[in-house]
Amino acid sequence: MAITVEKPEIDGLGEAVDAVREWQHEGSPWQLHPGDLGWFWRFGAEATAAAVRTWRRDGRILAVGLLDGADLLRLTTAPDSRRDEELARRLVEDVIEPERGVLPPGKVFIEAPKDALIQDLLPERGWCTGEPWTPLHRDLTEPVKAPDPRIEVIGPERAQVWAGVTRAAFDGSKFSEERWQAMASGVPYADARCLVAYDGHGNAVAMVTVWSAGPGKPGVLEPMGVHRDHRGHGHGRAITAAAAAALQELGSSSAAVSTPSSNVAAVATYESGGFQRLPEVRDLTRDA
């Protein structure tokens, strides 16, 4: 049967999330995670459904993509389909032809597992490598020491605190309590926690969201930030360690995060929090 691409309805998002969750395995290349879908859910279920694409054959989902912004497709496939030539060629045709509604015309980017066949095929069509990203990893099979500062798990009644630190951590952020509520209503948030760190004076100084993919599977941090007025005091290291501890409580086998290699400070913060730097990965890009 031919491979088809679909834009799921809101009530079909759970199936896409379940597929991506099932594909997470320790030692797999960096790939789209349920937490990436969960973080996007801050824009609401309708916007998330509009940004997701699934590829099927014989009723089975073989690949899931998330249009993260106007020009980036974050794509992953079932582990046993990474070298599936029929799937890879269908993916290539769908992403290079704007009229198919997967990617717009102009300069665009694709993030895909490094062992996926599409990584070999797109350069044959004129695509090239983009800027480097640094993935980092922390094994959670050994006990994680809880950080000294006060850490709070945020629920709906305290969402405004997490939202406020997020706005103060990321320049230009308009994150609101309403967006937190939208994110927390999403299917992936059942396996997530939002944390805030406080300093000795009771100031909320750092935030993170951790996303589990289920017991025995890798979890991710997305996002993590430190309040701009409280940087340089080790709060990033503390909230990163707290994130690892939270994922361990959720049953995750490891904690992972990825950041642009140019963000040297972020890479150093994660390393100070017990994460190990892995070899760089690169998006594929097509010029306008």
Protein backbone atom coordinates (compact mmCIF):
# COMPACT_ATOMS: atom_id res chain seq x y z
CA MET A 1 0.00 0.00 0.00
CA ALA A 2 1.21 3.51 -0.80
CA ILE A 3 2.54 5.85 1.90
CA THR A 4 0.21 8.71 2.76
CA VAL A 5 0.89 11.98 4.63
CA GLU A 6 -1.76 13.34 6.97
CA LYS A 7 -2.43 16.39 9.10
CA PRO A 8 -4.15 14.89 12.16
CA GLU A 9 -7.23 16.28 13.82
CA ILE A 10 -6.97 17.30 17.47
CA ASP A 11 -8.33 13.93 18.60
CA GLY A 12 -5.64 12.22 16.52
CA LEU A 13 -2.71 13.90 18.24
CA GLY A 14 -2.60 11.26 20.95
CA GLU A 15 -1.77 8.58 18.38
CA ALA A 16 1.13 10.66 17.03
CA VAL A 17 2.44 11.29 20.56
CA ASP A 18 2.19 7.58 21.37
CA ALA A 19 4.16 6.70 18.24
CA VAL A 20 6.95 9.14 19.06
CA ARG A 21 6.99 7.91 22.66
CA GLU A 22 7.31 4.28 21.51
CA TRP A 23 10.30 5.16 19.29
CA GLN A 24 12.42 6.55 22.14
CA HIS A 25 15.19 4.17 23.12
CA GLU A 26 18.42 4.57 25.03
CA GLY A 27 21.31 5.03 22.62
CA SER A 28 19.13 6.23 19.73
CA PRO A 29 20.31 9.27 17.77
CA TRP A 30 18.87 12.64 18.79
CA GLN A 31 15.30 12.81 17.52
CA LEU A 32 11.88 14.38 17.98
CA HIS A 33 10.61 13.61 21.49
CA PRO A 34 7.10 13.67 22.99
CA GLY A 35 8.34 16.63 25.02
CA ASP A 36 8.89 18.64 21.84
CA LEU A 37 5.24 18.12 20.97
CA GLY A 38 4.29 18.92 24.55
CA TRP A 39 6.22 22.20 24.59
CA PHE A 40 4.63 23.24 21.28
CA TRP A 41 1.22 22.57 22.86
CA ARG A 42 1.57 25.93 24.65
CA PHE A 43 0.04 27.41 21.49
CA GLY A 44 -3.05 25.24 21.95
CA ALA A 45 -4.30 21.92 20.64
CA GLU A 46 -5.58 23.39 17.36
CA ALA A 47 -2.22 24.98 16.53
CA THR A 48 -0.41 21.78 17.47
CA ALA A 49 -2.61 19.68 15.19
CA ALA A 50 -1.96 22.15 12.36
CA ALA A 51 1.81 21.80 12.86
CA VAL A 52 1.97 17.98 12.99
CA ARG A 53 2.31 15.66 10.00
CA THR A 54 2.22 11.87 10.03
CA TRP A 55 3.23 9.39 7.33
CA ARG A 56 1.49 6.00 7.22
CA ARG A 57 1.65 2.73 5.36
CA ASP A 58 -0.93 -0.01 5.90
CA GLY A 59 -2.42 2.05 8.72
CA ARG A 60 0.81 2.21 10.72
CA ILE A 61 2.50 5.54 11.47
CA LEU A 62 6.07 5.38 10.13
CA ALA A 63 7.14 9.02 10.59
CA VAL A 64 6.04 12.10 12.53
CA GLY A 65 7.01 15.69 11.80
CA LEU A 66 6.48 18.91 13.74
CA LEU A 67 6.60 22.24 11.90
CA ASP A 68 8.28 24.14 14.74
CA GLY A 69 7.94 27.73 13.62
CA ALA A 70 7.65 28.88 10.03
CA ASP A 71 10.78 27.24 8.64
CA LEU A 72 11.84 24.20 10.73
CA LEU A 73 10.51 20.67 10.36
CA ARG A 74 11.52 18.39 13.21
CA LEU A 75 11.15 14.87 11.85
CA THR A 76 11.58 11.37 13.20
CA THR A 77 10.72 7.86 12.04
CA ALA A 78 10.10 4.45 13.52
CA PRO A 79 13.49 2.87 14.30
CA ASP A 80 12.88 0.02 11.84
CA SER A 81 12.01 2.54 9.10
CA ARG A 82 15.06 4.80 9.26
CA ARG A 83 16.55 3.17 6.14
CA ASP A 84 13.23 2.42 4.45
CA GLU A 85 13.86 3.68 0.91
CA GLU A 86 10.20 4.03 -0.06
CA LEU A 87 9.50 6.12 3.04
CA ALA A 88 12.64 8.24 2.66
CA ARG A 89 11.88 9.09 -0.96
CA ARG A 90 8.29 9.99 -0.07
CA LEU A 91 9.54 12.23 2.74
CA VAL A 92 11.97 13.94 0.38
CA GLU A 93 9.29 14.64 -2.21
CA ASP A 94 6.90 15.94 0.43
CA VAL A 95 9.40 18.36 1.98
CA ILE A 96 10.85 19.75 -1.25
CA GLU A 97 7.49 20.46 -2.92
CA PRO A 98 5.86 23.44 -1.12
CA GLU A 99 2.46 22.74 -2.66
CA ARG A 100 2.29 19.54 -0.60
CA GLY A 101 1.91 21.68 2.52
CA VAL A 102 4.71 20.19 4.63
CA LEU A 103 7.27 22.99 4.31
CA PRO A 104 6.84 26.47 2.85
CA PRO A 105 8.98 27.78 -0.03
CA GLY A 106 12.18 29.65 0.73
CA LYS A 107 14.95 28.94 3.20
CA VAL A 108 13.92 26.07 5.48
CA PHE A 109 15.50 23.56 7.84
CA ILE A 110 14.96 19.89 8.66
CA GLU A 111 16.04 18.14 11.84
CA ALA A 112 16.12 14.35 11.51
CA PRO A 113 17.96 11.46 13.18
CA LYS A 114 21.50 11.21 11.84
CA ASP A 115 20.99 7.59 10.73
CA ALA A 116 17.82 8.32 8.73
CA LEU A 117 18.10 7.74 4.97
CA ILE A 118 16.67 11.21 4.30
CA GLN A 119 20.00 12.56 5.58
CA ASP A 120 21.64 10.96 2.52
CA LEU A 121 18.96 11.82 -0.01
CA LEU A 122 18.36 15.53 0.63
CA PRO A 123 21.97 16.57 -0.15
CA GLU A 124 21.49 14.92 -3.55
CA ARG A 125 18.69 17.47 -4.09
CA GLY A 126 20.83 20.49 -3.21
CA TRP A 127 20.38 20.64 0.56
CA CYS A 128 23.39 21.33 2.80
CA THR A 129 24.24 21.17 6.49
CA GLY A 130 23.18 23.96 8.80
CA GLU A 131 24.53 25.31 12.08
CA PRO A 132 25.87 22.82 14.65
CA TRP A 133 23.90 21.83 17.74
CA THR A 134 25.34 20.17 20.83
CA PRO A 135 23.32 17.34 22.40
CA LEU A 136 24.04 16.56 26.04
CA HIS A 137 23.16 13.46 28.04
CA ARG A 138 23.03 12.41 31.67
CA ASP A 139 22.67 8.78 32.72
CA LEU A 140 20.03 8.28 35.40
CA THR A 141 20.76 4.71 36.42
CA GLU A 142 22.72 6.00 39.43
CA PRO A 143 21.07 8.12 42.17
CA VAL A 144 20.96 11.84 41.40
CA LYS A 145 21.91 14.12 44.30
CA ALA A 146 19.16 16.64 44.95
CA PRO A 147 20.33 20.27 44.73
CA ASP A 148 20.56 22.42 47.86
CA PRO A 149 18.30 25.33 46.80
CA ARG A 150 14.55 25.21 47.24
CA ILE A 151 12.85 23.63 44.22
CA GLU A 152 9.09 23.86 43.66
CA VAL A 153 6.99 21.64 41.42
CA ILE A 154 4.56 24.01 39.70
CA GLY A 155 0.85 23.26 39.45
CA PRO A 156 -1.98 25.30 37.93
CA GLU A 157 -2.30 27.58 40.95
CA ARG A 158 1.36 28.64 40.62
CA ALA A 159 1.59 28.77 36.84
CA GLN A 160 2.08 32.54 36.89
CA VAL A 161 5.39 32.07 38.77
CA TRP A 162 6.79 29.71 36.14
CA ALA A 163 5.54 31.98 33.35
CA GLY A 164 7.15 35.03 34.93
CA VAL A 165 10.57 33.40 35.24
CA THR A 166 10.28 32.15 31.66
CA ARG A 167 9.66 35.68 30.36
CA ALA A 168 12.64 36.91 32.39
CA ALA A 169 14.89 34.12 31.11
CA PHE A 170 14.29 34.46 27.37
CA ASP A 171 14.54 37.81 25.61
CA GLY A 172 11.33 38.64 23.78
CA SER A 173 9.35 35.86 25.42
CA LYS A 174 5.63 36.50 25.83
CA PHE A 175 4.96 33.31 27.73
CA SER A 176 1.81 33.67 29.83
CA GLU A 177 -0.15 31.76 32.44
CA GLU A 178 -2.67 30.98 29.69
CA ARG A 179 0.06 29.34 27.62
CA TRP A 180 1.11 27.28 30.62
CA GLN A 181 -2.47 26.10 31.04
CA ALA A 182 -2.63 25.19 27.35
CA MET A 183 0.65 23.25 27.59
CA ALA A 184 -0.48 21.44 30.74
CA SER A 185 -3.71 20.38 29.02
CA GLY A 186 -1.80 18.51 26.31
CA VAL A 187 -1.46 14.74 26.13
CA PRO A 188 2.35 14.74 26.70
CA TYR A 189 2.11 16.74 29.94
CA ALA A 190 0.90 13.65 31.81
CA ASP A 191 4.59 12.66 31.79
CA ALA A 192 6.00 16.12 32.53
CA ARG A 193 6.91 18.40 35.44
CA CYS A 194 7.53 22.16 35.64
CA LEU A 195 10.06 23.23 38.27
CA VAL A 196 11.11 26.60 39.68
CA ALA A 197 14.24 27.23 41.78
CA TYR A 198 14.34 29.88 44.51
CA ASP A 199 17.34 31.62 46.02
CA GLY A 200 17.96 32.25 49.72
CA HIS A 201 15.86 35.40 49.63
CA GLY A 202 12.79 33.67 48.23
CA ASN A 203 13.23 34.97 44.67
CA ALA A 204 12.16 32.71 41.81
CA VAL A 205 15.42 32.51 39.85
CA ALA A 206 15.28 29.60 37.35
CA MET A 207 12.79 27.32 35.61
CA VAL A 208 12.68 24.11 33.64
CA THR A 209 10.18 21.66 32.20
CA VAL A 210 11.09 17.98 32.04
CA TRP A 211 9.33 15.50 29.79
CA SER A 212 9.37 11.75 30.29
CA ALA A 213 8.64 9.31 27.48
CA GLY A 214 7.79 6.59 29.98
CA PRO A 215 9.74 4.29 32.33
CA GLY A 216 13.06 3.10 30.96
CA LYS A 217 13.13 5.65 28.15
CA PRO A 218 15.13 8.88 27.71
CA GLY A 219 13.56 12.09 29.01
CA VAL A 220 14.31 15.65 27.89
CA LEU A 221 14.57 19.17 29.27
CA GLU A 222 12.58 21.70 27.23
CA PRO A 223 13.00 24.54 28.09
CA MET A 224 15.45 25.58 30.86
CA GLY A 225 16.28 29.17 31.73
CA VAL A 226 17.66 31.45 34.44
CA HIS A 227 16.15 34.83 35.32
CA ARG A 228 18.27 37.55 33.70
CA ASP A 229 18.63 39.37 37.03
CA HIS A 230 19.97 36.32 38.86
CA ARG A 231 22.59 34.86 36.54
CA GLY A 232 26.11 33.94 37.56
CA HIS A 233 25.16 32.39 40.92
CA GLY A 234 24.90 28.70 40.02
CA HIS A 235 21.11 28.67 39.61
CA GLY A 236 21.38 27.08 36.15
CA ARG A 237 23.44 24.25 37.57
CA ALA A 238 20.93 23.76 40.40
CA ILE A 239 17.82 23.68 38.22
CA THR A 240 19.57 21.33 35.76
CA ALA A 241 20.38 18.90 38.58
CA ALA A 242 16.80 19.21 39.84
CA ALA A 243 15.55 18.40 36.34
CA ALA A 244 17.64 15.22 36.26
CA ALA A 245 16.28 14.22 39.67
CA ALA A 246 12.69 14.83 38.54
CA LEU A 247 13.16 12.69 35.43
CA GLN A 248 14.66 9.96 37.56
CA GLU A 249 11.55 10.05 39.77
CA LEU A 250 9.44 9.71 36.62
CA GLY A 251 11.37 6.56 35.68
CA SER A 252 13.45 7.96 32.82
CA SER A 253 16.63 6.09 31.92
CA SER A 254 18.49 9.29 31.07
CA ALA A 255 18.07 13.03 30.65
CA ALA A 256 18.87 14.77 27.37
CA VAL A 257 18.97 18.31 26.08
CA SER A 258 20.24 20.03 22.93
CA THR A 259 21.39 23.60 22.46
CA PRO A 260 23.07 25.57 19.65
CA SER A 261 26.83 25.01 19.87
CA SER A 262 27.25 28.77 19.63
CA ASN A 263 25.54 29.10 23.03
CA VAL A 264 28.71 28.30 24.93
CA ALA A 265 27.26 29.41 28.27
CA ALA A 266 24.33 27.00 27.99
CA VAL A 267 26.62 24.09 27.12
CA ALA A 268 28.80 24.91 30.15
CA THR A 269 25.73 25.12 32.41
CA TYR A 270 24.49 21.70 31.40
CA GLU A 271 27.94 20.20 31.84
CA SER A 272 28.15 21.73 35.33
CA GLY A 273 24.81 20.04 36.07
CA GLY A 274 26.23 16.60 35.34
CA PHE A 275 25.48 16.32 31.61
CA GLN A 276 28.04 14.96 29.15
CA ARG A 277 28.55 16.59 25.78
CA LEU A 278 27.91 14.33 22.77
CA PRO A 279 29.16 14.82 19.18
CA GLU A 280 27.58 17.77 17.39
CA VAL A 281 24.63 17.30 15.06
CA ARG A 282 23.49 19.55 12.23
CA ASP A 283 20.19 20.37 10.59
CA LEU A 284 19.81 20.17 6.84
CA THR A 285 18.90 23.41 5.11
CA ARG A 286 17.72 24.62 1.74
CA ASP A 287 18.46 28.17 0.64
CA ALA A 288 15.68 30.38 -0.65
